Amino acid sequence: MSRGTVLRRLAAHEGRWLMSLGWWVARRRIGVAPGERALGYAGAQAAIIYGLTFVCVVETVGIGVLLAGKAVVHEVMLFVDGYTVLTVLGFQAAAVTRPHVLGAGELRLRDGARREIRIPLERIASVRYDLRFVREQREDGREVAELAVAGQTSVTVELSEPVVAVRLLGRRETLRTVRFHADEARAAVTAVREGMAARAGVGERAGALAAEGAPGPGGTPEAAGPPEAGGVQKAGRAPQANGTPGPDGTPEATGTPVKQA
């Protein structure tokens, strides 16, 4: 990947978390349409983020006092420390305004402003509550992705078919297992299972409707009801050959020519 592409992707990431600050202040969420369910995950890291923000603010004030007599250095450090505080708050803002989203057809898993994994519900083989603490390097190389929050994941999704995800710098990876965190993990598992069941029900109804209207061997829809009443002969039925009188007392045609005397 070229250096220009990397820089563009990093700049786009900066723009996303800066925009998240505005959405956070407005108490709005990004990418959650009406009817979709948001699965929050920012609560687990809130205490850490706010504590780190407090430390950064104290450091900014201390550096400002120490560099009060050096105008240029003071202004530079003030800008750096101020941007650091914004970065830390932007990390939390991106997590709050960009939750995981459960829609009618897919599950979108997010890692703040850095990453998004889209999983069609029909490709989910199983989903379960699975609390794990991440202490080692992520297993992305083994078709496993971990979207950890505060060093933990709480939900594991196993896929019947792999999905392709794109990382922050553009590297593509094929995933068969995704682990992520949700603040209400058990409720998230229940919601995903309900979405899978609803999706399967829609597929079954569509299949049944297609089967009912399926054309027969001759290209015409097959009859669904019983034969019509009233003695009307069904198209294609051979005439009776036993000479039994019909309803008006006359013998029915047998289809055999009569020999002349």
C-alpha atoms as a PDB file:
ATOM      1  CA  MET A   1       0.000   0.000   0.000  1.00  0.00           C
ATOM      2  CA  SER A   2       1.356   3.418  -0.936  1.00  0.00           C
ATOM      3  CA  ARG A   3       2.207   6.060   1.627  1.00  0.00           C
ATOM      4  CA  GLY A   4      -0.379   8.413   0.143  1.00  0.00           C
ATOM      5  CA  THR A   5      -3.142   5.858   0.639  1.00  0.00           C
ATOM      6  CA  VAL A   6      -2.121   5.316   4.247  1.00  0.00           C
ATOM      7  CA  LEU A   7      -2.116   9.050   4.917  1.00  0.00           C
ATOM      8  CA  ARG A   8      -5.558   9.451   3.337  1.00  0.00           C
ATOM      9  CA  ARG A   9      -7.015   6.676   5.463  1.00  0.00           C
ATOM     10  CA  LEU A  10      -5.477   8.134   8.619  1.00  0.00           C
ATOM     11  CA  ALA A  11      -6.847  11.570   7.745  1.00  0.00           C
ATOM     12  CA  ALA A  12     -10.299  10.048   7.188  1.00  0.00           C
ATOM     13  CA  HIS A  13     -10.072   8.395  10.601  1.00  0.00           C
ATOM     14  CA  GLU A  14      -9.197  11.738  12.208  1.00  0.00           C
ATOM     15  CA  GLY A  15     -12.196  13.323  10.525  1.00  0.00           C
ATOM     16  CA  ARG A  16     -14.518  10.576  11.774  1.00  0.00           C
ATOM     17  CA  TRP A  17     -13.615  10.888  15.455  1.00  0.00           C
ATOM     18  CA  LEU A  18     -13.650  14.696  15.268  1.00  0.00           C
ATOM     19  CA  MET A  19     -17.149  14.512  13.790  1.00  0.00           C
ATOM     20  CA  SER A  20     -18.104  12.081  16.550  1.00  0.00           C
ATOM     21  CA  LEU A  21     -17.408  14.807  19.128  1.00  0.00           C
ATOM     22  CA  GLY A  22     -20.151  16.952  17.615  1.00  0.00           C
ATOM     23  CA  TRP A  23     -22.592  14.052  17.451  1.00  0.00           C
ATOM     24  CA  TRP A  24     -21.759  13.183  21.055  1.00  0.00           C
ATOM     25  CA  VAL A  25     -22.586  16.689  22.232  1.00  0.00           C
ATOM     26  CA  ALA A  26     -25.836  16.549  20.238  1.00  0.00           C
ATOM     27  CA  ARG A  27     -26.640  13.133  21.786  1.00  0.00           C
ATOM     28  CA  ARG A  28     -27.082  11.497  18.403  1.00  0.00           C
ATOM     29  CA  ARG A  29     -25.819   8.248  16.906  1.00  0.00           C
ATOM     30  CA  ILE A  30     -24.275   7.608  13.521  1.00  0.00           C
ATOM     31  CA  GLY A  31     -25.555   4.919  11.160  1.00  0.00           C
ATOM     32  CA  VAL A  32     -28.533   3.689  13.216  1.00  0.00           C
ATOM     33  CA  ALA A  33     -31.631   3.734  11.016  1.00  0.00           C
ATOM     34  CA  PRO A  34     -35.233   3.624  12.295  1.00  0.00           C
ATOM     35  CA  GLY A  35     -36.161   0.068  13.220  1.00  0.00           C
ATOM     36  CA  GLU A  36     -32.565  -0.987  13.844  1.00  0.00           C
ATOM     37  CA  ARG A  37     -31.252  -1.829  17.304  1.00  0.00           C
ATOM     38  CA  ALA A  38     -28.127  -0.216  18.744  1.00  0.00           C
ATOM     39  CA  LEU A  39     -25.894  -2.395  20.922  1.00  0.00           C
ATOM     40  CA  GLY A  40     -23.699  -0.110  22.996  1.00  0.00           C
ATOM     41  CA  TYR A  41     -20.189  -1.018  24.122  1.00  0.00           C
ATOM     42  CA  ALA A  42     -18.673   2.263  25.370  1.00  0.00           C
ATOM     43  CA  GLY A  43     -19.674   1.845  29.005  1.00  0.00           C
ATOM     44  CA  ALA A  44     -16.874  -0.594  29.805  1.00  0.00           C
ATOM     45  CA  GLN A  45     -14.174   1.943  28.946  1.00  0.00           C
ATOM     46  CA  ALA A  46     -15.850   5.128  30.216  1.00  0.00           C
ATOM     47  CA  ALA A  47     -14.108   5.183  33.627  1.00  0.00           C
ATOM     48  CA  ILE A  48     -10.701   4.644  32.030  1.00  0.00           C
ATOM     49  CA  ILE A  49     -11.249   7.359  29.424  1.00  0.00           C
ATOM     50  CA  TYR A  50     -12.494   9.950  31.892  1.00  0.00           C
ATOM     51  CA  GLY A  51      -9.629   9.185  34.266  1.00  0.00           C
ATOM     52  CA  LEU A  52      -7.103   9.562  31.466  1.00  0.00           C
ATOM     53  CA  THR A  53      -8.744  12.830  30.397  1.00  0.00           C
ATOM     54  CA  PHE A  54      -8.413  14.206  33.928  1.00  0.00           C
ATOM     55  CA  VAL A  55      -4.697  13.310  33.973  1.00  0.00           C
ATOM     56  CA  CYS A  56      -4.188  15.036  30.605  1.00  0.00           C
ATOM     57  CA  VAL A  57      -5.919  18.193  31.815  1.00  0.00           C
ATOM     58  CA  VAL A  58      -3.768  18.286  34.967  1.00  0.00           C
ATOM     59  CA  GLU A  59      -0.668  17.813  32.832  1.00  0.00           C
ATOM     60  CA  THR A  60      -1.726  20.653  30.529  1.00  0.00           C
ATOM     61  CA  VAL A  61      -2.150  23.022  33.466  1.00  0.00           C
ATOM     62  CA  GLY A  62       1.191  21.996  34.978  1.00  0.00           C
ATOM     63  CA  ILE A  63       3.086  22.412  31.715  1.00  0.00           C
ATOM     64  CA  GLY A  64       1.447  25.810  31.235  1.00  0.00           C
ATOM     65  CA  VAL A  65       2.696  26.966  34.632  1.00  0.00           C
ATOM     66  CA  LEU A  66       6.223  25.660  34.061  1.00  0.00           C
ATOM     67  CA  LEU A  67       6.509  27.248  30.603  1.00  0.00           C
ATOM     68  CA  ALA A  68       4.853  30.561  31.461  1.00  0.00           C
ATOM     69  CA  GLY A  69       7.996  32.526  30.664  1.00  0.00           C
ATOM     70  CA  LYS A  70       8.577  30.921  27.261  1.00  0.00           C
ATOM     71  CA  ALA A  71       5.845  32.120  24.968  1.00  0.00           C
ATOM     72  CA  VAL A  72       6.577  30.055  21.843  1.00  0.00           C
ATOM     73  CA  VAL A  73       7.196  26.789  23.654  1.00  0.00           C
ATOM     74  CA  HIS A  74       4.202  27.434  25.887  1.00  0.00           C
ATOM     75  CA  GLU A  75       1.867  27.886  22.918  1.00  0.00           C
ATOM     76  CA  VAL A  76       3.192  24.800  21.138  1.00  0.00           C
ATOM     77  CA  MET A  77       2.801  22.604  24.218  1.00  0.00           C
ATOM     78  CA  LEU A  78      -0.625  24.073  24.921  1.00  0.00           C
ATOM     79  CA  PHE A  79      -1.747  23.076  21.410  1.00  0.00           C
ATOM     80  CA  VAL A  80      -0.261  19.572  21.755  1.00  0.00           C
ATOM     81  CA  ASP A  81      -1.811  18.968  25.173  1.00  0.00           C
ATOM     82  CA  GLY A  82      -5.164  20.372  24.075  1.00  0.00           C
ATOM     83  CA  TYR A  83      -5.234  18.124  21.002  1.00  0.00           C
ATOM     84  CA  THR A  84      -4.328  15.157  23.207  1.00  0.00           C
ATOM     85  CA  VAL A  85      -7.330  15.848  25.418  1.00  0.00           C
ATOM     86  CA  LEU A  86      -9.555  16.057  22.323  1.00  0.00           C
ATOM     87  CA  THR A  87      -8.131  12.773  21.023  1.00  0.00           C
ATOM     88  CA  VAL A  88      -8.911  10.953  24.246  1.00  0.00           C
ATOM     89  CA  LEU A  89     -12.445  12.355  24.362  1.00  0.00           C
ATOM     90  CA  GLY A  90     -12.872  11.609  20.650  1.00  0.00           C
ATOM     91  CA  PHE A  91     -12.012   7.968  21.320  1.00  0.00           C
ATOM     92  CA  GLN A  92     -14.953   7.760  23.724  1.00  0.00           C
ATOM     93  CA  ALA A  93     -17.216   9.873  21.523  1.00  0.00           C
ATOM     94  CA  ALA A  94     -16.643   7.542  18.554  1.00  0.00           C
ATOM     95  CA  ALA A  95     -17.554   4.526  20.668  1.00  0.00           C
ATOM     96  CA  VAL A  96     -20.729   6.169  22.001  1.00  0.00           C
ATOM     97  CA  THR A  97     -21.986   7.525  18.666  1.00  0.00           C
ATOM     98  CA  ARG A  98     -21.024   4.457  16.622  1.00  0.00           C
ATOM     99  CA  PRO A  99     -22.508   1.452  18.475  1.00  0.00           C
ATOM    100  CA  HIS A 100     -22.915  -2.028  17.088  1.00  0.00           C
ATOM    101  CA  VAL A 101     -26.096  -2.151  14.988  1.00  0.00           C
ATOM    102  CA  LEU A 102     -28.497  -5.071  14.528  1.00  0.00           C
ATOM    103  CA  GLY A 103     -30.626  -4.624  11.420  1.00  0.00           C
ATOM    104  CA  ALA A 104     -33.169  -6.791   9.658  1.00  0.00           C
ATOM    105  CA  GLY A 105     -30.568  -8.382   7.397  1.00  0.00           C
ATOM    106  CA  GLU A 106     -27.140  -7.888   8.967  1.00  0.00           C
ATOM    107  CA  LEU A 107     -25.126  -7.298  12.105  1.00  0.00           C
ATOM    108  CA  ARG A 108     -22.664  -4.381  11.925  1.00  0.00           C
ATOM    109  CA  LEU A 109     -19.867  -4.551  14.468  1.00  0.00           C
ATOM    110  CA  ARG A 110     -17.828  -1.412  15.055  1.00  0.00           C
ATOM    111  CA  ASP A 111     -14.586  -0.520  16.747  1.00  0.00           C
ATOM    112  CA  GLY A 112     -15.217   3.177  17.261  1.00  0.00           C
ATOM    113  CA  ALA A 113     -14.176   5.163  14.193  1.00  0.00           C
ATOM    114  CA  ARG A 114     -11.454   2.681  13.244  1.00  0.00           C
ATOM    115  CA  ARG A 115     -13.238  -0.341  11.890  1.00  0.00           C
ATOM    116  CA  GLU A 116     -16.572  -1.857  10.885  1.00  0.00           C
ATOM    117  CA  ILE A 117     -17.414  -5.504  10.161  1.00  0.00           C
ATOM    118  CA  ARG A 118     -20.654  -6.335   8.338  1.00  0.00           C
ATOM    119  CA  ILE A 119     -22.077  -9.832   8.921  1.00  0.00           C
ATOM    120  CA  PRO A 120     -25.230 -11.018   7.085  1.00  0.00           C
ATOM    121  CA  LEU A 121     -27.528 -12.764   9.561  1.00  0.00           C
ATOM    122  CA  GLU A 122     -27.883 -15.819   7.321  1.00  0.00           C
ATOM    123  CA  ARG A 123     -24.136 -16.438   7.643  1.00  0.00           C
ATOM    124  CA  ILE A 124     -24.194 -16.629  11.435  1.00  0.00           C
ATOM    125  CA  ALA A 125     -23.960 -20.245  12.552  1.00  0.00           C
ATOM    126  CA  SER A 126     -24.042 -19.500  16.294  1.00  0.00           C
ATOM    127  CA  VAL A 127     -23.820 -16.610  18.737  1.00  0.00           C
ATOM    128  CA  ARG A 128     -23.148 -16.998  22.446  1.00  0.00           C
ATOM    129  CA  TYR A 129     -22.181 -15.149  25.603  1.00  0.00           C
ATOM    130  CA  ASP A 130     -18.454 -15.703  26.026  1.00  0.00           C
ATOM    131  CA  LEU A 131     -16.566 -13.418  28.431  1.00  0.00           C
ATOM    132  CA  ARG A 132     -12.851 -13.282  27.593  1.00  0.00           C
ATOM    133  CA  PHE A 133     -10.010 -11.047  28.693  1.00  0.00           C
ATOM    134  CA  VAL A 134      -7.600 -10.287  25.863  1.00  0.00           C
ATOM    135  CA  ARG A 135      -3.999 -10.514  27.092  1.00  0.00           C
ATOM    136  CA  GLU A 136      -2.248 -11.608  23.924  1.00  0.00           C
ATOM    137  CA  GLN A 137      -2.021 -10.345  20.369  1.00  0.00           C
ATOM    138  CA  ARG A 138      -5.241 -10.598  18.418  1.00  0.00           C
ATOM    139  CA  GLU A 139      -5.778 -13.748  16.401  1.00  0.00           C
ATOM    140  CA  ASP A 140      -6.707 -11.964  13.169  1.00  0.00           C
ATOM    141  CA  GLY A 141      -4.230 -14.111  11.233  1.00  0.00           C
ATOM    142  CA  ARG A 142      -6.254 -17.215  12.090  1.00  0.00           C
ATOM    143  CA  GLU A 143      -9.537 -15.879  10.691  1.00  0.00           C
ATOM    144  CA  VAL A 144     -10.512 -14.561  14.124  1.00  0.00           C
ATOM    145  CA  ALA A 145     -11.163 -10.885  14.897  1.00  0.00           C
ATOM    146  CA  GLU A 146     -11.461  -9.467  18.406  1.00  0.00           C
ATOM    147  CA  LEU A 147     -13.116  -6.079  18.909  1.00  0.00           C
ATOM    148  CA  ALA A 148     -12.106  -5.726  22.546  1.00  0.00           C
ATOM    149  CA  VAL A 149     -13.215  -2.902  24.844  1.00  0.00           C
ATOM    150  CA  ALA A 150     -11.197  -2.328  28.023  1.00  0.00           C
ATOM    151  CA  GLY A 151      -9.320  -5.532  27.248  1.00  0.00           C
ATOM    152  CA  GLN A 152     -12.374  -7.788  27.107  1.00  0.00           C
ATOM    153  CA  THR A 153     -14.876  -9.363  24.740  1.00  0.00           C
ATOM    154  CA  SER A 154     -18.198 -10.836  25.834  1.00  0.00           C
ATOM    155  CA  VAL A 155     -19.916 -12.200  22.699  1.00  0.00           C
ATOM    156  CA  THR A 156     -18.593 -14.737  20.195  1.00  0.00           C
ATOM    157  CA  VAL A 157     -20.092 -15.088  16.711  1.00  0.00           C
ATOM    158  CA  GLU A 158     -19.284 -18.188  14.639  1.00  0.00           C
ATOM    159  CA  LEU A 159     -19.927 -17.952  10.896  1.00  0.00           C
ATOM    160  CA  SER A 160     -21.069 -20.644   8.483  1.00  0.00           C
ATOM    161  CA  GLU A 161     -19.492 -18.676   5.616  1.00  0.00           C
ATOM    162  CA  PRO A 162     -16.570 -16.244   5.924  1.00  0.00           C
ATOM    163  CA  VAL A 163     -16.902 -12.477   5.588  1.00  0.00           C
ATOM    164  CA  VAL A 164     -14.277 -10.020   4.356  1.00  0.00           C
ATOM    165  CA  ALA A 165     -13.399  -7.045   6.556  1.00  0.00           C
ATOM    166  CA  VAL A 166     -11.106  -4.066   5.972  1.00  0.00           C
ATOM    167  CA  ARG A 167      -8.789  -2.784   8.691  1.00  0.00           C
ATOM    168  CA  LEU A 168      -7.936   0.845   9.374  1.00  0.00           C
ATOM    169  CA  LEU A 169      -5.003   1.006   6.947  1.00  0.00           C
ATOM    170  CA  GLY A 170      -6.800  -0.949   4.213  1.00  0.00           C
ATOM    171  CA  ARG A 171      -5.632  -4.509   4.809  1.00  0.00           C
ATOM    172  CA  ARG A 172      -8.370  -7.019   3.926  1.00  0.00           C
ATOM    173  CA  GLU A 173      -8.925 -10.138   5.996  1.00  0.00           C
ATOM    174  CA  THR A 174     -11.232 -13.146   5.820  1.00  0.00           C
ATOM    175  CA  LEU A 175     -13.050 -13.893   9.076  1.00  0.00           C
ATOM    176  CA  ARG A 176     -14.898 -16.954  10.342  1.00  0.00           C
ATOM    177  CA  THR A 177     -15.089 -15.979  14.024  1.00  0.00           C
ATOM    178  CA  VAL A 178     -15.695 -12.529  15.477  1.00  0.00           C
ATOM    179  CA  ARG A 179     -15.536 -11.680  19.176  1.00  0.00           C
ATOM    180  CA  PHE A 180     -16.845  -8.341  20.390  1.00  0.00           C
ATOM    181  CA  HIS A 181     -17.985  -6.626  23.560  1.00  0.00           C
ATOM    182  CA  ALA A 182     -21.429  -5.289  24.402  1.00  0.00           C
ATOM    183  CA  ASP A 183     -22.425  -3.521  27.603  1.00  0.00           C
ATOM    184  CA  GLU A 184     -25.503  -5.767  27.859  1.00  0.00           C
ATOM    185  CA  ALA A 185     -23.959  -8.879  26.365  1.00  0.00           C
ATOM    186  CA  ARG A 186     -26.684 -11.394  27.207  1.00  0.00           C
ATOM    187  CA  ALA A 187     -29.394  -9.101  25.856  1.00  0.00           C
ATOM    188  CA  ALA A 188     -27.297  -8.617  22.705  1.00  0.00           C
ATOM    189  CA  VAL A 189     -27.034 -12.389  22.220  1.00  0.00           C
ATOM    190  CA  THR A 190     -30.802 -12.747  22.617  1.00  0.00           C
ATOM    191  CA  ALA A 191     -31.450  -9.935  20.145  1.00  0.00           C
ATOM    192  CA  VAL A 192     -29.133 -11.455  17.522  1.00  0.00           C
ATOM    193  CA  ARG A 193     -30.767 -14.862  17.902  1.00  0.00           C
ATOM    194  CA  GLU A 194     -34.204 -13.303  17.489  1.00  0.00           C
ATOM    195  CA  GLY A 195     -32.980 -11.520  14.375  1.00  0.00           C
ATOM    196  CA  MET A 196     -31.647 -14.796  12.983  1.00  0.00           C
ATOM    197  CA  ALA A 197     -34.968 -16.536  13.669  1.00  0.00           C
ATOM    198  CA  ALA A 198     -36.937 -13.728  12.040  1.00  0.00           C
ATOM    199  CA  ARG A 199     -34.630 -13.789   9.023  1.00  0.00           C
ATOM    200  CA  ALA A 200     -35.026 -17.568   8.702  1.00  0.00           C
ATOM    201  CA  GLY A 201     -38.818 -17.218   8.963  1.00  0.00           C
ATOM    202  CA  VAL A 202     -38.871 -14.688   6.135  1.00  0.00           C
ATOM    203  CA  GLY A 203     -36.792 -17.029   4.001  1.00  0.00           C
ATOM    204  CA  GLU A 204     -39.103 -19.964   4.690  1.00  0.00           C
ATOM    205  CA  ARG A 205     -42.219 -17.932   3.828  1.00  0.00           C
ATOM    206  CA  ALA A 206     -40.613 -16.744   0.605  1.00  0.00           C
ATOM    207  CA  GLY A 207     -39.764 -20.332  -0.291  1.00  0.00           C
ATOM    208  CA  ALA A 208     -43.319 -21.491   0.430  1.00  0.00           C
ATOM    209  CA  LEU A 209     -44.816 -18.733  -1.717  1.00  0.00           C
ATOM    210  CA  ALA A 210     -42.459 -19.618  -4.538  1.00  0.00           C
ATOM    211  CA  ALA A 211     -43.430 -23.285  -4.271  1.00  0.00           C
ATOM    212  CA  GLU A 212     -47.163 -22.516  -4.358  1.00  0.00           C
ATOM    213  CA  GLY A 213     -46.816 -20.478  -7.533  1.00  0.00           C
ATOM    214  CA  ALA A 214     -44.274 -22.755  -9.189  1.00  0.00           C
ATOM    215  CA  PRO A 215     -45.129 -23.710 -12.835  1.00  0.00           C
ATOM    216  CA  GLY A 216     -45.839 -27.305 -13.658  1.00  0.00           C
ATOM    217  CA  PRO A 217     -43.958 -29.486 -16.183  1.00  0.00           C
ATOM    218  CA  GLY A 218     -45.841 -27.926 -19.084  1.00  0.00           C
ATOM    219  CA  GLY A 219     -45.031 -24.368 -18.078  1.00  0.00           C
ATOM    220  CA  THR A 220     -48.489 -23.681 -16.609  1.00  0.00           C
ATOM    221  CA  PRO A 221     -49.301 -23.465 -12.894  1.00  0.00           C
ATOM    222  CA  GLU A 222     -50.510 -26.747 -11.460  1.00  0.00           C
ATOM    223  CA  ALA A 223     -54.034 -26.979 -10.108  1.00  0.00           C
ATOM    224  CA  ALA A 224     -54.136 -26.606  -6.345  1.00  0.00           C
ATOM    225  CA  GLY A 225     -57.758 -27.616  -5.668  1.00  0.00           C
ATOM    226  CA  PRO A 226     -59.867 -30.798  -6.207  1.00  0.00           C
ATOM    227  CA  PRO A 227     -61.440 -31.698  -9.584  1.00  0.00           C
ATOM    228  CA  GLU A 228     -64.448 -29.614 -10.526  1.00  0.00           C
ATOM    229  CA  ALA A 229     -67.868 -31.060  -9.789  1.00  0.00           C
ATOM    230  CA  GLY A 230     -70.856 -31.408 -12.130  1.00  0.00           C
ATOM    231  CA  GLY A 231     -69.570 -34.195 -14.377  1.00  0.00           C
ATOM    232  CA  VAL A 232     -67.264 -31.911 -16.375  1.00  0.00           C
ATOM    233  CA  GLN A 233     -64.501 -34.026 -17.793  1.00  0.00           C
ATOM    234  CA  LYS A 234     -60.930 -32.819 -17.025  1.00  0.00           C
ATOM    235  CA  ALA A 235     -58.836 -31.867 -20.026  1.00  0.00           C
ATOM    236  CA  GLY A 236     -56.693 -34.697 -21.295  1.00  0.00           C
ATOM    237  CA  ARG A 237     -58.810 -37.559 -19.732  1.00  0.00           C
ATOM    238  CA  ALA A 238     -59.426 -40.508 -22.061  1.00  0.00           C
ATOM    239  CA  PRO A 239     -63.075 -41.358 -22.900  1.00  0.00           C
ATOM    240  CA  GLN A 240     -64.661 -44.308 -21.100  1.00  0.00           C
ATOM    241  CA  ALA A 241     -64.522 -47.552 -23.054  1.00  0.00           C
ATOM    242  CA  ASN A 242     -67.232 -49.557 -21.269  1.00  0.00           C
ATOM    243  CA  GLY A 243     -70.286 -48.071 -23.004  1.00  0.00           C
ATOM    244  CA  THR A 244     -71.877 -46.968 -19.755  1.00  0.00           C
ATOM    245  CA  PRO A 245     -74.871 -44.700 -20.381  1.00  0.00           C
ATOM    246  CA  GLY A 246     -74.255 -41.036 -19.664  1.00  0.00           C
ATOM    247  CA  PRO A 247     -76.470 -38.693 -17.713  1.00  0.00           C
ATOM    248  CA  ASP A 248     -79.006 -38.349 -20.606  1.00  0.00           C
ATOM    249  CA  GLY A 249     -79.357 -42.125 -21.094  1.00  0.00           C
ATOM    250  CA  THR A 250     -77.231 -42.390 -24.260  1.00  0.00           C
ATOM    251  CA  PRO A 251     -74.091 -44.473 -24.306  1.00  0.00           C
ATOM    252  CA  GLU A 252     -70.857 -42.479 -24.186  1.00  0.00           C
ATOM    253  CA  ALA A 253     -68.477 -42.739 -27.106  1.00  0.00           C
ATOM    254  CA  THR A 254     -65.921 -45.507 -26.788  1.00  0.00           C
ATOM    255  CA  GLY A 255     -63.537 -44.264 -29.417  1.00  0.00           C
ATOM    256  CA  THR A 256     -63.883 -47.598 -31.358  1.00  0.00           C
ATOM    257  CA  PRO A 257     -65.319 -47.465 -34.894  1.00  0.00           C
ATOM    258  CA  VAL A 258     -68.647 -49.331 -35.397  1.00  0.00           C
ATOM    259  CA  LYS A 259     -68.540 -52.110 -37.953  1.00  0.00           C
ATOM    260  CA  GLN A 260     -71.058 -51.632 -40.755  1.00  0.00           C
ATOM    261  CA  ALA A 261     -73.372 -54.567 -41.614  1.00  0.00           C
END
